[in-house]
Amino acid sequence: MGKFKGIMCAAAIAVMGVTAAGCDDEDAVVTNAEFDAIDTSNDGLVSAAEWNATFAVWDVNGDGIVNQNEWLLDSGFGTLDVDANAALTEAEWNSAMVNWDVDNDGFLDPGEMFF
């Protein structure tokens, strides 16, 4: 990812973090603001590259996991945290691209997130 695009991704996610209402485990369709912060290309779809970049940005302390305090969406954490240890590994994170991509097109749209 280019330096400018990486900075824009980080800035978008940081702005979203300021506006996030909190974290919970209830499944719901992602809000437009939450989706837009991940969809850094603004094409209405989240690619694997955008999803992976989000993991890298949200892993604030760089320990290789995204814990509940680092998760910036209002919902969906519990769906990905399959071992219920309050920490998402990259494998759990990446499972979203497989589990949520119901039309198997390799992208997530707002209706597919937290499916």
PDB file of N, CA and C in Angstrom:
ATOM      1  N   MET A   1       0.853  -1.161   0.000  1.00  0.00           N
ATOM      2  CA  MET A   1       0.000   0.000   0.000  1.00  0.00           C
ATOM      3  C   MET A   1       0.899   1.223   0.000  1.00  0.00           C
ATOM      4  N   GLY A   2       0.555   2.196  -0.846  1.00  0.00           N
ATOM      5  CA  GLY A   2       1.336   3.416  -0.897  1.00  0.00           C
ATOM      6  C   GLY A   2       1.240   4.184   0.409  1.00  0.00           C
ATOM      7  N   LYS A   3       2.242   5.015   0.646  1.00  0.00           N
ATOM      8  CA  LYS A   3       2.299   5.766   1.900  1.00  0.00           C
ATOM      9  C   LYS A   3       1.075   6.657   2.062  1.00  0.00           C
ATOM     10  N   PHE A   4       0.674   7.371   1.008  1.00  0.00           N
ATOM     11  CA  PHE A   4      -0.470   8.263   1.094  1.00  0.00           C
ATOM     12  C   PHE A   4      -1.743   7.479   1.396  1.00  0.00           C
ATOM     13  N   LYS A   5      -1.953   6.366   0.670  1.00  0.00           N
ATOM     14  CA  LYS A   5      -3.162   5.569   0.884  1.00  0.00           C
ATOM     15  C   LYS A   5      -3.179   4.993   2.298  1.00  0.00           C
ATOM     16  N   GLY A   6      -2.016   4.576   2.802  1.00  0.00           N
ATOM     17  CA  GLY A   6      -1.941   4.060   4.165  1.00  0.00           C
ATOM     18  C   GLY A   6      -2.277   5.128   5.188  1.00  0.00           C
ATOM     19  N   ILE A   7      -1.819   6.337   4.944  1.00  0.00           N
ATOM     20  CA  ILE A   7      -2.131   7.454   5.842  1.00  0.00           C
ATOM     21  C   ILE A   7      -3.622   7.753   5.791  1.00  0.00           C
ATOM     22  N   MET A   8      -4.201   7.758   4.590  1.00  0.00           N
ATOM     23  CA  MET A   8      -5.634   8.023   4.447  1.00  0.00           C
ATOM     24  C   MET A   8      -6.450   6.941   5.146  1.00  0.00           C
ATOM     25  N   CYS A   9      -6.027   5.690   5.020  1.00  0.00           N
ATOM     26  CA  CYS A   9      -6.725   4.586   5.679  1.00  0.00           C
ATOM     27  C   CYS A   9      -6.671   4.770   7.187  1.00  0.00           C
ATOM     28  N   ALA A  10      -5.501   5.069   7.694  1.00  0.00           N
ATOM     29  CA  ALA A  10      -5.349   5.261   9.134  1.00  0.00           C
ATOM     30  C   ALA A  10      -6.181   6.443   9.614  1.00  0.00           C
ATOM     31  N   ALA A  11      -6.194   7.525   8.840  1.00  0.00           N
ATOM     32  CA  ALA A  11      -6.966   8.708   9.229  1.00  0.00           C
ATOM     33  C   ALA A  11      -8.457   8.406   9.230  1.00  0.00           C
ATOM     34  N   ALA A  12      -8.916   7.700   8.217  1.00  0.00           N
ATOM     35  CA  ALA A  12     -10.341   7.369   8.149  1.00  0.00           C
ATOM     36  C   ALA A  12     -10.753   6.484   9.313  1.00  0.00           C
ATOM     37  N   ILE A  13      -9.928   5.532   9.635  1.00  0.00           N
ATOM     38  CA  ILE A  13     -10.253   4.634  10.735  1.00  0.00           C
ATOM     39  C   ILE A  13     -10.174   5.371  12.063  1.00  0.00           C
ATOM     40  N   ALA A  14      -9.216   6.272  12.212  1.00  0.00           N
ATOM     41  CA  ALA A  14      -9.113   7.056  13.448  1.00  0.00           C
ATOM     42  C   ALA A  14     -10.344   7.932  13.626  1.00  0.00           C
ATOM     43  N   VAL A  15     -10.802   8.567  12.551  1.00  0.00           N
ATOM     44  CA  VAL A  15     -12.007   9.396  12.638  1.00  0.00           C
ATOM     45  C   VAL A  15     -13.186   8.539  13.032  1.00  0.00           C
ATOM     46  N   MET A  16     -13.295   7.350  12.447  1.00  0.00           N
ATOM     47  CA  MET A  16     -14.399   6.472  12.791  1.00  0.00           C
ATOM     48  C   MET A  16     -14.331   6.078  14.260  1.00  0.00           C
ATOM     49  N   GLY A  17     -13.134   5.873  14.780  1.00  0.00           N
ATOM     50  CA  GLY A  17     -12.986   5.486  16.179  1.00  0.00           C
ATOM     51  C   GLY A  17     -13.493   6.555  17.119  1.00  0.00           C
ATOM     52  N   VAL A  18     -13.339   7.810  16.743  1.00  0.00           N
ATOM     53  CA  VAL A  18     -13.831   8.909  17.571  1.00  0.00           C
ATOM     54  C   VAL A  18     -15.340   8.910  17.608  1.00  0.00           C
ATOM     55  N   THR A  19     -15.972   8.496  16.505  1.00  0.00           N
ATOM     56  CA  THR A  19     -17.428   8.549  16.433  1.00  0.00           C
ATOM     57  C   THR A  19     -18.096   7.238  16.821  1.00  0.00           C
ATOM     58  N   ALA A  20     -17.321   6.194  17.049  1.00  0.00           N
ATOM     59  CA  ALA A  20     -17.907   4.890  17.377  1.00  0.00           C
ATOM     60  C   ALA A  20     -18.635   4.951  18.707  1.00  0.00           C
ATOM     61  N   ALA A  21     -19.782   4.289  18.760  1.00  0.00           N
ATOM     62  CA  ALA A  21     -20.619   4.332  19.951  1.00  0.00           C
ATOM     63  C   ALA A  21     -20.203   3.306  20.993  1.00  0.00           C
ATOM     64  N   GLY A  22     -19.398   2.340  20.628  1.00  0.00           N
ATOM     65  CA  GLY A  22     -18.983   1.325  21.585  1.00  0.00           C
ATOM     66  C   GLY A  22     -18.923  -0.025  20.919  1.00  0.00           C
ATOM     67  N   CYS A  23     -18.565  -1.033  21.692  1.00  0.00           N
ATOM     68  CA  CYS A  23     -18.426  -2.377  21.157  1.00  0.00           C
ATOM     69  C   CYS A  23     -19.417  -3.295  21.842  1.00  0.00           C
ATOM     70  N   ASP A  24     -20.069  -4.112  21.062  1.00  0.00           N
ATOM     71  CA  ASP A  24     -20.942  -5.123  21.635  1.00  0.00           C
ATOM     72  C   ASP A  24     -20.893  -6.347  20.752  1.00  0.00           C
ATOM     73  N   ASP A  25     -21.550  -7.395  21.159  1.00  0.00           N
ATOM     74  CA  ASP A  25     -21.487  -8.647  20.435  1.00  0.00           C
ATOM     75  C   ASP A  25     -22.740  -8.934  19.628  1.00  0.00           C
ATOM     76  N   GLU A  26     -23.661  -7.982  19.520  1.00  0.00           N
ATOM     77  CA  GLU A  26     -24.875  -8.220  18.770  1.00  0.00           C
ATOM     78  C   GLU A  26     -24.591  -8.093  17.287  1.00  0.00           C
ATOM     79  N   ASP A  27     -25.159  -9.014  16.519  1.00  0.00           N
ATOM     80  CA  ASP A  27     -24.975  -8.974  15.083  1.00  0.00           C
ATOM     81  C   ASP A  27     -25.942  -7.975  14.478  1.00  0.00           C
ATOM     82  N   ALA A  28     -25.460  -7.142  13.586  1.00  0.00           N
ATOM     83  CA  ALA A  28     -26.282  -6.164  12.887  1.00  0.00           C
ATOM     84  C   ALA A  28     -25.543  -5.754  11.630  1.00  0.00           C
ATOM     85  N   VAL A  29     -26.259  -5.205  10.689  1.00  0.00           N
ATOM     86  CA  VAL A  29     -25.614  -4.702   9.489  1.00  0.00           C
ATOM     87  C   VAL A  29     -24.804  -3.480   9.878  1.00  0.00           C
ATOM     88  N   VAL A  30     -23.620  -3.382   9.341  1.00  0.00           N
ATOM     89  CA  VAL A  30     -22.705  -2.293   9.651  1.00  0.00           C
ATOM     90  C   VAL A  30     -23.312  -0.960   9.210  1.00  0.00           C
ATOM     91  N   THR A  31     -23.046   0.109   9.949  1.00  0.00           N
ATOM     92  CA  THR A  31     -23.541   1.426   9.567  1.00  0.00           C
ATOM     93  C   THR A  31     -22.736   1.973   8.405  1.00  0.00           C
ATOM     94  N   ASN A  32     -23.284   2.954   7.727  1.00  0.00           N
ATOM     95  CA  ASN A  32     -22.584   3.548   6.583  1.00  0.00           C
ATOM     96  C   ASN A  32     -21.258   4.156   6.992  1.00  0.00           C
ATOM     97  N   ALA A  33     -21.212   4.868   8.116  1.00  0.00           N
ATOM     98  CA  ALA A  33     -19.964   5.504   8.555  1.00  0.00           C
ATOM     99  C   ALA A  33     -18.899   4.455   8.860  1.00  0.00           C
ATOM    100  N   GLU A  34     -19.293   3.356   9.512  1.00  0.00           N
ATOM    101  CA  GLU A  34     -18.351   2.288   9.824  1.00  0.00           C
ATOM    102  C   GLU A  34     -17.833   1.650   8.543  1.00  0.00           C
ATOM    103  N   PHE A  35     -18.729   1.369   7.614  1.00  0.00           N
ATOM    104  CA  PHE A  35     -18.342   0.738   6.362  1.00  0.00           C
ATOM    105  C   PHE A  35     -17.420   1.652   5.568  1.00  0.00           C
ATOM    106  N   ASP A  36     -17.763   2.935   5.490  1.00  0.00           N
ATOM    107  CA  ASP A  36     -16.960   3.890   4.726  1.00  0.00           C
ATOM    108  C   ASP A  36     -15.543   4.011   5.271  1.00  0.00           C
ATOM    109  N   ALA A  37     -15.369   3.838   6.565  1.00  0.00           N
ATOM    110  CA  ALA A  37     -14.031   3.923   7.156  1.00  0.00           C
ATOM    111  C   ALA A  37     -13.156   2.743   6.731  1.00  0.00           C
ATOM    112  N   ILE A  38     -13.762   1.612   6.460  1.00  0.00           N
ATOM    113  CA  ILE A  38     -13.021   0.430   6.015  1.00  0.00           C
ATOM    114  C   ILE A  38     -12.865   0.446   4.495  1.00  0.00           C
ATOM    115  N   ASP A  39     -13.888   0.919   3.782  1.00  0.00           N
ATOM    116  CA  ASP A  39     -13.874   0.992   2.321  1.00  0.00           C
ATOM    117  C   ASP A  39     -13.099   2.226   1.887  1.00  0.00           C
ATOM    118  N   THR A  40     -11.779   2.150   1.998  1.00  0.00           N
ATOM    119  CA  THR A  40     -10.936   3.320   1.739  1.00  0.00           C
ATOM    120  C   THR A  40     -10.905   3.726   0.272  1.00  0.00           C
ATOM    121  N   SER A  41     -11.302   2.845  -0.643  1.00  0.00           N
ATOM    122  CA  SER A  41     -11.354   3.202  -2.061  1.00  0.00           C
ATOM    123  C   SER A  41     -12.685   3.854  -2.431  1.00  0.00           C
ATOM    124  N   ASN A  42     -13.627   3.843  -1.490  1.00  0.00           N
ATOM    125  CA  ASN A  42     -14.956   4.438  -1.691  1.00  0.00           C
ATOM    126  C   ASN A  42     -15.690   3.880  -2.902  1.00  0.00           C
ATOM    127  N   ASP A  43     -15.520   2.568  -3.139  1.00  0.00           N
ATOM    128  CA  ASP A  43     -16.213   1.953  -4.260  1.00  0.00           C
ATOM    129  C   ASP A  43     -17.432   1.143  -3.829  1.00  0.00           C
ATOM    130  N   GLY A  44     -17.776   1.203  -2.546  1.00  0.00           N
ATOM    131  CA  GLY A  44     -18.936   0.479  -2.047  1.00  0.00           C
ATOM    132  C   GLY A  44     -18.666  -0.966  -1.711  1.00  0.00           C
ATOM    133  N   LEU A  45     -17.411  -1.379  -1.791  1.00  0.00           N
ATOM    134  CA  LEU A  45     -17.018  -2.755  -1.496  1.00  0.00           C
ATOM    135  C   LEU A  45     -15.743  -2.742  -0.662  1.00  0.00           C
ATOM    136  N   VAL A  46     -15.632  -3.714   0.238  1.00  0.00           N
ATOM    137  CA  VAL A  46     -14.400  -3.880   1.009  1.00  0.00           C
ATOM    138  C   VAL A  46     -13.641  -5.057   0.409  1.00  0.00           C
ATOM    139  N   SER A  47     -12.462  -4.774  -0.095  1.00  0.00           N
ATOM    140  CA  SER A  47     -11.613  -5.819  -0.664  1.00  0.00           C
ATOM    141  C   SER A  47     -10.819  -6.491   0.449  1.00  0.00           C
ATOM    142  N   ALA A  48     -10.197  -7.602   0.116  1.00  0.00           N
ATOM    143  CA  ALA A  48      -9.333  -8.282   1.087  1.00  0.00           C
ATOM    144  C   ALA A  48      -8.195  -7.360   1.508  1.00  0.00           C
ATOM    145  N   ALA A  49      -7.669  -6.584   0.581  1.00  0.00           N
ATOM    146  CA  ALA A  49      -6.577  -5.657   0.912  1.00  0.00           C
ATOM    147  C   ALA A  49      -7.045  -4.597   1.908  1.00  0.00           C
ATOM    148  N   GLU A  50      -8.249  -4.058   1.700  1.00  0.00           N
ATOM    149  CA  GLU A  50      -8.785  -3.056   2.631  1.00  0.00           C
ATOM    150  C   GLU A  50      -9.050  -3.683   4.000  1.00  0.00           C
ATOM    151  N   TRP A  51      -9.597  -4.902   4.001  1.00  0.00           N
ATOM    152  CA  TRP A  51      -9.885  -5.593   5.257  1.00  0.00           C
ATOM    153  C   TRP A  51      -8.595  -5.876   6.011  1.00  0.00           C
ATOM    154  N   ASN A  52      -7.561  -6.361   5.317  1.00  0.00           N
ATOM    155  CA  ASN A  52      -6.277  -6.652   5.960  1.00  0.00           C
ATOM    156  C   ASN A  52      -5.612  -5.381   6.473  1.00  0.00           C
ATOM    157  N   ALA A  53      -5.714  -4.295   5.724  1.00  0.00           N
ATOM    158  CA  ALA A  53      -5.145  -3.016   6.165  1.00  0.00           C
ATOM    159  C   ALA A  53      -5.828  -2.542   7.442  1.00  0.00           C
ATOM    160  N   THR A  54      -7.106  -2.801   7.557  1.00  0.00           N
ATOM    161  CA  THR A  54      -7.849  -2.410   8.757  1.00  0.00           C
ATOM    162  C   THR A  54      -7.328  -3.171   9.967  1.00  0.00           C
ATOM    163  N   PHE A  55      -7.050  -4.466   9.817  1.00  0.00           N
ATOM    164  CA  PHE A  55      -6.488  -5.240  10.931  1.00  0.00           C
ATOM    165  C   PHE A  55      -5.188  -4.605  11.409  1.00  0.00           C
ATOM    166  N   ALA A  56      -4.334  -4.269  10.457  1.00  0.00           N
ATOM    167  CA  ALA A  56      -3.031  -3.695  10.810  1.00  0.00           C
ATOM    168  C   ALA A  56      -3.182  -2.370  11.545  1.00  0.00           C
ATOM    169  N   VAL A  57      -4.146  -1.564  11.156  1.00  0.00           N
ATOM    170  CA  VAL A  57      -4.361  -0.273  11.809  1.00  0.00           C
ATOM    171  C   VAL A  57      -5.010  -0.450  13.176  1.00  0.00           C
ATOM    172  N   TRP A  58      -5.987  -1.348  13.276  1.00  0.00           N
ATOM    173  CA  TRP A  58      -6.700  -1.532  14.549  1.00  0.00           C
ATOM    174  C   TRP A  58      -5.860  -2.241  15.598  1.00  0.00           C
ATOM    175  N   ASP A  59      -4.870  -3.000  15.184  1.00  0.00           N
ATOM    176  CA  ASP A  59      -3.957  -3.646  16.136  1.00  0.00           C
ATOM    177  C   ASP A  59      -3.007  -2.570  16.664  1.00  0.00           C
ATOM    178  N   VAL A  60      -3.556  -1.693  17.478  1.00  0.00           N
ATOM    179  CA  VAL A  60      -2.864  -0.488  17.935  1.00  0.00           C
ATOM    180  C   VAL A  60      -1.547  -0.802  18.628  1.00  0.00           C
ATOM    181  N   ASN A  61      -1.536  -1.808  19.478  1.00  0.00           N
ATOM    182  CA  ASN A  61      -0.312  -2.103  20.231  1.00  0.00           C
ATOM    183  C   ASN A  61       0.625  -3.057  19.492  1.00  0.00           C
ATOM    184  N   GLY A  62       0.253  -3.478  18.286  1.00  0.00           N
ATOM    185  CA  GLY A  62       1.138  -4.286  17.453  1.00  0.00           C
ATOM    186  C   GLY A  62       1.415  -5.682  17.970  1.00  0.00           C
ATOM    187  N   ASP A  63       0.472  -6.248  18.748  1.00  0.00           N
ATOM    188  CA  ASP A  63       0.707  -7.579  19.315  1.00  0.00           C
ATOM    189  C   ASP A  63       0.170  -8.714  18.443  1.00  0.00           C
ATOM    190  N   GLY A  64      -0.326  -8.388  17.251  1.00  0.00           N
ATOM    191  CA  GLY A  64      -0.810  -9.420  16.336  1.00  0.00           C
ATOM    192  C   GLY A  64      -2.237  -9.844  16.575  1.00  0.00           C
ATOM    193  N   ILE A  65      -2.943  -9.171  17.464  1.00  0.00           N
ATOM    194  CA  ILE A  65      -4.359  -9.451  17.705  1.00  0.00           C
ATOM    195  C   ILE A  65      -5.114  -8.121  17.796  1.00  0.00           C
ATOM    196  N   VAL A  66      -6.406  -8.193  17.520  1.00  0.00           N
ATOM    197  CA  VAL A  66      -7.295  -7.057  17.756  1.00  0.00           C
ATOM    198  C   VAL A  66      -8.199  -7.474  18.906  1.00  0.00           C
ATOM    199  N   ASN A  67      -8.048  -6.785  20.045  1.00  0.00           N
ATOM    200  CA  ASN A  67      -8.896  -7.130  21.185  1.00  0.00           C
ATOM    201  C   ASN A  67     -10.148  -6.267  21.166  1.00  0.00           C
ATOM    202  N   GLN A  68     -11.064  -6.509  22.101  1.00  0.00           N
ATOM    203  CA  GLN A  68     -12.332  -5.779  22.119  1.00  0.00           C
ATOM    204  C   GLN A  68     -12.127  -4.277  22.256  1.00  0.00           C
ATOM    205  N   ASN A  69     -11.102  -3.849  22.949  1.00  0.00           N
ATOM    206  CA  ASN A  69     -10.857  -2.417  23.095  1.00  0.00           C
ATOM    207  C   ASN A  69     -10.349  -1.788  21.805  1.00  0.00           C
ATOM    208  N   GLU A  70      -9.751  -2.577  20.932  1.00  0.00           N
ATOM    209  CA  GLU A  70      -9.241  -2.073  19.660  1.00  0.00           C
ATOM    210  C   GLU A  70     -10.289  -2.154  18.544  1.00  0.00           C
ATOM    211  N   TRP A  71     -11.312  -2.987  18.711  1.00  0.00           N
ATOM    212  CA  TRP A  71     -12.371  -3.169  17.717  1.00  0.00           C
ATOM    213  C   TRP A  71     -13.194  -1.893  17.641  1.00  0.00           C
ATOM    214  N   LEU A  72     -13.330  -1.308  16.469  1.00  0.00           N
ATOM    215  CA  LEU A  72     -13.966  -0.007  16.338  1.00  0.00           C
ATOM    216  C   LEU A  72     -15.375  -0.028  15.768  1.00  0.00           C
ATOM    217  N   LEU A  73     -15.910  -1.197  15.486  1.00  0.00           N
ATOM    218  CA  LEU A  73     -17.288  -1.280  15.010  1.00  0.00           C
ATOM    219  C   LEU A  73     -18.222  -1.494  16.187  1.00  0.00           C
ATOM    220  N   ASP A  74     -19.489  -1.205  15.989  1.00  0.00           N
ATOM    221  CA  ASP A  74     -20.468  -1.385  17.050  1.00  0.00           C
ATOM    222  C   ASP A  74     -20.845  -2.849  17.251  1.00  0.00           C
ATOM    223  N   SER A  75     -20.683  -3.660  16.236  1.00  0.00           N
ATOM    224  CA  SER A  75     -21.108  -5.054  16.290  1.00  0.00           C
ATOM    225  C   SER A  75     -20.095  -5.939  15.592  1.00  0.00           C
ATOM    226  N   GLY A  76     -20.336  -7.240  15.661  1.00  0.00           N
ATOM    227  CA  GLY A  76     -19.572  -8.188  14.885  1.00  0.00           C
ATOM    228  C   GLY A  76     -18.391  -8.830  15.566  1.00  0.00           C
ATOM    229  N   PHE A  77     -17.895  -8.265  16.664  1.00  0.00           N
ATOM    230  CA  PHE A  77     -16.718  -8.831  17.316  1.00  0.00           C
ATOM    231  C   PHE A  77     -16.962 -10.270  17.733  1.00  0.00           C
ATOM    232  N   GLY A  78     -18.068 -10.518  18.377  1.00  0.00           N
ATOM    233  CA  GLY A  78     -18.383 -11.867  18.857  1.00  0.00           C
ATOM    234  C   GLY A  78     -18.532 -12.874  17.744  1.00  0.00           C
ATOM    235  N   THR A  79     -18.963 -12.411  16.576  1.00  0.00           N
ATOM    236  CA  THR A  79     -19.100 -13.293  15.425  1.00  0.00           C
ATOM    237  C   THR A  79     -17.735 -13.813  14.982  1.00  0.00           C
ATOM    238  N   LEU A  80     -16.732 -12.958  15.025  1.00  0.00           N
ATOM    239  CA  LEU A  80     -15.392 -13.358  14.591  1.00  0.00           C
ATOM    240  C   LEU A  80     -14.592 -14.053  15.684  1.00  0.00           C
ATOM    241  N   ASP A  81     -14.859 -13.719  16.934  1.00  0.00           N
ATOM    242  CA  ASP A  81     -14.094 -14.279  18.062  1.00  0.00           C
ATOM    243  C   ASP A  81     -14.593 -15.687  18.373  1.00  0.00           C
ATOM    244  N   VAL A  82     -14.245 -16.643  17.512  1.00  0.00           N
ATOM    245  CA  VAL A  82     -14.799 -17.989  17.612  1.00  0.00           C
ATOM    246  C   VAL A  82     -14.382 -18.728  18.877  1.00  0.00           C
ATOM    247  N   ASP A  83     -13.223 -18.411  19.435  1.00  0.00           N
ATOM    248  CA  ASP A  83     -12.811 -19.071  20.673  1.00  0.00           C
ATOM    249  C   ASP A  83     -13.196 -18.269  21.916  1.00  0.00           C
ATOM    250  N   ALA A  84     -13.923 -17.166  21.728  1.00  0.00           N
ATOM    251  CA  ALA A  84     -14.463 -16.346  22.823  1.00  0.00           C
ATOM    252  C   ALA A  84     -13.412 -15.943  23.850  1.00  0.00           C
ATOM    253  N   ASN A  85     -12.223 -15.560  23.358  1.00  0.00           N
ATOM    254  CA  ASN A  85     -11.164 -15.136  24.279  1.00  0.00           C
ATOM    255  C   ASN A  85     -10.959 -13.616  24.264  1.00  0.00           C
ATOM    256  N   ALA A  86     -11.906 -12.888  23.673  1.00  0.00           N
ATOM    257  CA  ALA A  86     -11.871 -11.422  23.600  1.00  0.00           C
ATOM    258  C   ALA A  86     -10.668 -10.902  22.817  1.00  0.00           C
ATOM    259  N   ALA A  87     -10.175 -11.715  21.880  1.00  0.00           N
ATOM    260  CA  ALA A  87      -9.043 -11.316  21.045  1.00  0.00           C
ATOM    261  C   ALA A  87      -9.198 -11.957  19.667  1.00  0.00           C
ATOM    262  N   LEU A  88      -9.038 -11.147  18.633  1.00  0.00           N
ATOM    263  CA  LEU A  88      -9.116 -11.660  17.270  1.00  0.00           C
ATOM    264  C   LEU A  88      -7.725 -11.866  16.707  1.00  0.00           C
ATOM    265  N   THR A  89      -7.422 -13.089  16.339  1.00  0.00           N
ATOM    266  CA  THR A  89      -6.181 -13.372  15.639  1.00  0.00           C
ATOM    267  C   THR A  89      -6.375 -13.007  14.164  1.00  0.00           C
ATOM    268  N   GLU A  90      -5.290 -12.993  13.406  1.00  0.00           N
ATOM    269  CA  GLU A  90      -5.427 -12.730  11.977  1.00  0.00           C
ATOM    270  C   GLU A  90      -6.281 -13.803  11.307  1.00  0.00           C
ATOM    271  N   ALA A  91      -6.188 -15.041  11.762  1.00  0.00           N
ATOM    272  CA  ALA A  91      -6.995 -16.115  11.186  1.00  0.00           C
ATOM    273  C   ALA A  91      -8.482 -15.862  11.438  1.00  0.00           C
ATOM    274  N   GLU A  92      -8.826 -15.461  12.656  1.00  0.00           N
ATOM    275  CA  GLU A  92     -10.227 -15.143  12.952  1.00  0.00           C
ATOM    276  C   GLU A  92     -10.680 -13.935  12.131  1.00  0.00           C
ATOM    277  N   TRP A  93      -9.825 -12.920  12.067  1.00  0.00           N
ATOM    278  CA  TRP A  93     -10.131 -11.715  11.287  1.00  0.00           C
ATOM    279  C   TRP A  93     -10.379 -12.067   9.829  1.00  0.00           C
ATOM    280  N   ASN A  94      -9.463 -12.851   9.255  1.00  0.00           N
ATOM    281  CA  ASN A  94      -9.564 -13.201   7.836  1.00  0.00           C
ATOM    282  C   ASN A  94     -10.765 -14.087   7.534  1.00  0.00           C
ATOM    283  N   SER A  95     -11.282 -14.788   8.537  1.00  0.00           N
ATOM    284  CA  SER A  95     -12.456 -15.628   8.313  1.00  0.00           C
ATOM    285  C   SER A  95     -13.659 -14.802   7.880  1.00  0.00           C
ATOM    286  N   ALA A  96     -13.678 -13.514   8.219  1.00  0.00           N
ATOM    287  CA  ALA A  96     -14.794 -12.654   7.811  1.00  0.00           C
ATOM    288  C   ALA A  96     -14.905 -12.586   6.295  1.00  0.00           C
ATOM    289  N   MET A  97     -13.783 -12.535   5.607  1.00  0.00           N
ATOM    290  CA  MET A  97     -13.826 -12.459   4.146  1.00  0.00           C
ATOM    291  C   MET A  97     -14.463 -13.709   3.547  1.00  0.00           C
ATOM    292  N   VAL A  98     -14.328 -14.835   4.214  1.00  0.00           N
ATOM    293  CA  VAL A  98     -14.935 -16.079   3.739  1.00  0.00           C
ATOM    294  C   VAL A  98     -16.375 -16.190   4.243  1.00  0.00           C
ATOM    295  N   ASN A  99     -16.568 -15.996   5.553  1.00  0.00           N
ATOM    296  CA  ASN A  99     -17.876 -16.202   6.156  1.00  0.00           C
ATOM    297  C   ASN A  99     -18.909 -15.144   5.770  1.00  0.00           C
ATOM    298  N   TRP A 100     -18.489 -13.910   5.665  1.00  0.00           N
ATOM    299  CA  TRP A 100     -19.438 -12.827   5.389  1.00  0.00           C
ATOM    300  C   TRP A 100     -19.668 -12.602   3.895  1.00  0.00           C
ATOM    301  N   ASP A 101     -18.773 -13.069   3.040  1.00  0.00           N
ATOM    302  CA  ASP A 101     -18.898 -12.859   1.602  1.00  0.00           C
ATOM    303  C   ASP A 101     -19.884 -13.877   1.023  1.00  0.00           C
ATOM    304  N   VAL A 102     -21.172 -13.645   1.260  1.00  0.00           N
ATOM    305  CA  VAL A 102     -22.192 -14.626   0.905  1.00  0.00           C
ATOM    306  C   VAL A 102     -22.348 -14.819  -0.601  1.00  0.00           C
ATOM    307  N   ASP A 103     -22.000 -13.819  -1.403  1.00  0.00           N
ATOM    308  CA  ASP A 103     -22.104 -13.994  -2.845  1.00  0.00           C
ATOM    309  C   ASP A 103     -20.789 -14.450  -3.477  1.00  0.00           C
ATOM    310  N   ASN A 104     -19.797 -14.718  -2.643  1.00  0.00           N
ATOM    311  CA  ASN A 104     -18.507 -15.263  -3.080  1.00  0.00           C
ATOM    312  C   ASN A 104     -17.844 -14.467  -4.203  1.00  0.00           C
ATOM    313  N   ASP A 105     -17.946 -13.139  -4.120  1.00  0.00           N
ATOM    314  CA  ASP A 105     -17.313 -12.322  -5.143  1.00  0.00           C
ATOM    315  C   ASP A 105     -15.952 -11.778  -4.709  1.00  0.00           C
ATOM    316  N   GLY A 106     -15.521 -12.131  -3.495  1.00  0.00           N
ATOM    317  CA  GLY A 106     -14.224 -11.680  -3.002  1.00  0.00           C
ATOM    318  C   GLY A 106     -14.245 -10.310  -2.353  1.00  0.00           C
ATOM    319  N   PHE A 107     -15.427  -9.735  -2.203  1.00  0.00           N
ATOM    320  CA  PHE A 107     -15.594  -8.422  -1.582  1.00  0.00           C
ATOM    321  C   PHE A 107     -16.724  -8.475  -0.571  1.00  0.00           C
ATOM    322  N   LEU A 108     -16.677  -7.571   0.404  1.00  0.00           N
ATOM    323  CA  LEU A 108     -17.777  -7.416   1.345  1.00  0.00           C
ATOM    324  C   LEU A 108     -18.527  -6.140   1.009  1.00  0.00           C
ATOM    325  N   ASP A 109     -19.844  -6.248   0.933  1.00  0.00           N
ATOM    326  CA  ASP A 109     -20.659  -5.048   0.793  1.00  0.00           C
ATOM    327  C   ASP A 109     -21.350  -4.813   2.139  1.00  0.00           C
ATOM    328  N   PRO A 110     -21.953  -3.659   2.348  1.00  0.00           N
ATOM    329  CA  PRO A 110     -22.522  -3.360   3.671  1.00  0.00           C
ATOM    330  C   PRO A 110     -23.540  -4.396   4.153  1.00  0.00           C
ATOM    331  N   GLY A 111     -24.302  -4.973   3.267  1.00  0.00           N
ATOM    332  CA  GLY A 111     -25.293  -5.971   3.658  1.00  0.00           C
ATOM    333  C   GLY A 111     -24.701  -7.305   4.070  1.00  0.00           C
ATOM    334  N   GLU A 112     -23.489  -7.588   3.655  1.00  0.00           N
ATOM    335  CA  GLU A 112     -22.854  -8.861   3.987  1.00  0.00           C
ATOM    336  C   GLU A 112     -22.138  -8.823   5.330  1.00  0.00           C
ATOM    337  N   MET A 113     -21.724  -7.665   5.761  1.00  0.00           N
ATOM    338  CA  MET A 113     -20.953  -7.613   7.013  1.00  0.00           C
ATOM    339  C   MET A 113     -21.830  -8.006   8.183  1.00  0.00           C
ATOM    340  N   PHE A 114     -21.317  -8.898   9.009  1.00  0.00           N
ATOM    341  CA  PHE A 114     -21.974  -9.459  10.189  1.00  0.00           C
ATOM    342  C   PHE A 114     -23.096 -10.406   9.799  1.00  0.00           C
ATOM    343  N   PHE A 115     -23.050 -10.960   8.588  1.00  0.00           N
ATOM    344  CA  PHE A 115     -24.087 -11.880   8.118  1.00  0.00           C
ATOM    345  C   PHE A 115     -24.252 -13.034   9.060  1.00  0.00           C
TER     346      PHE A 115
END
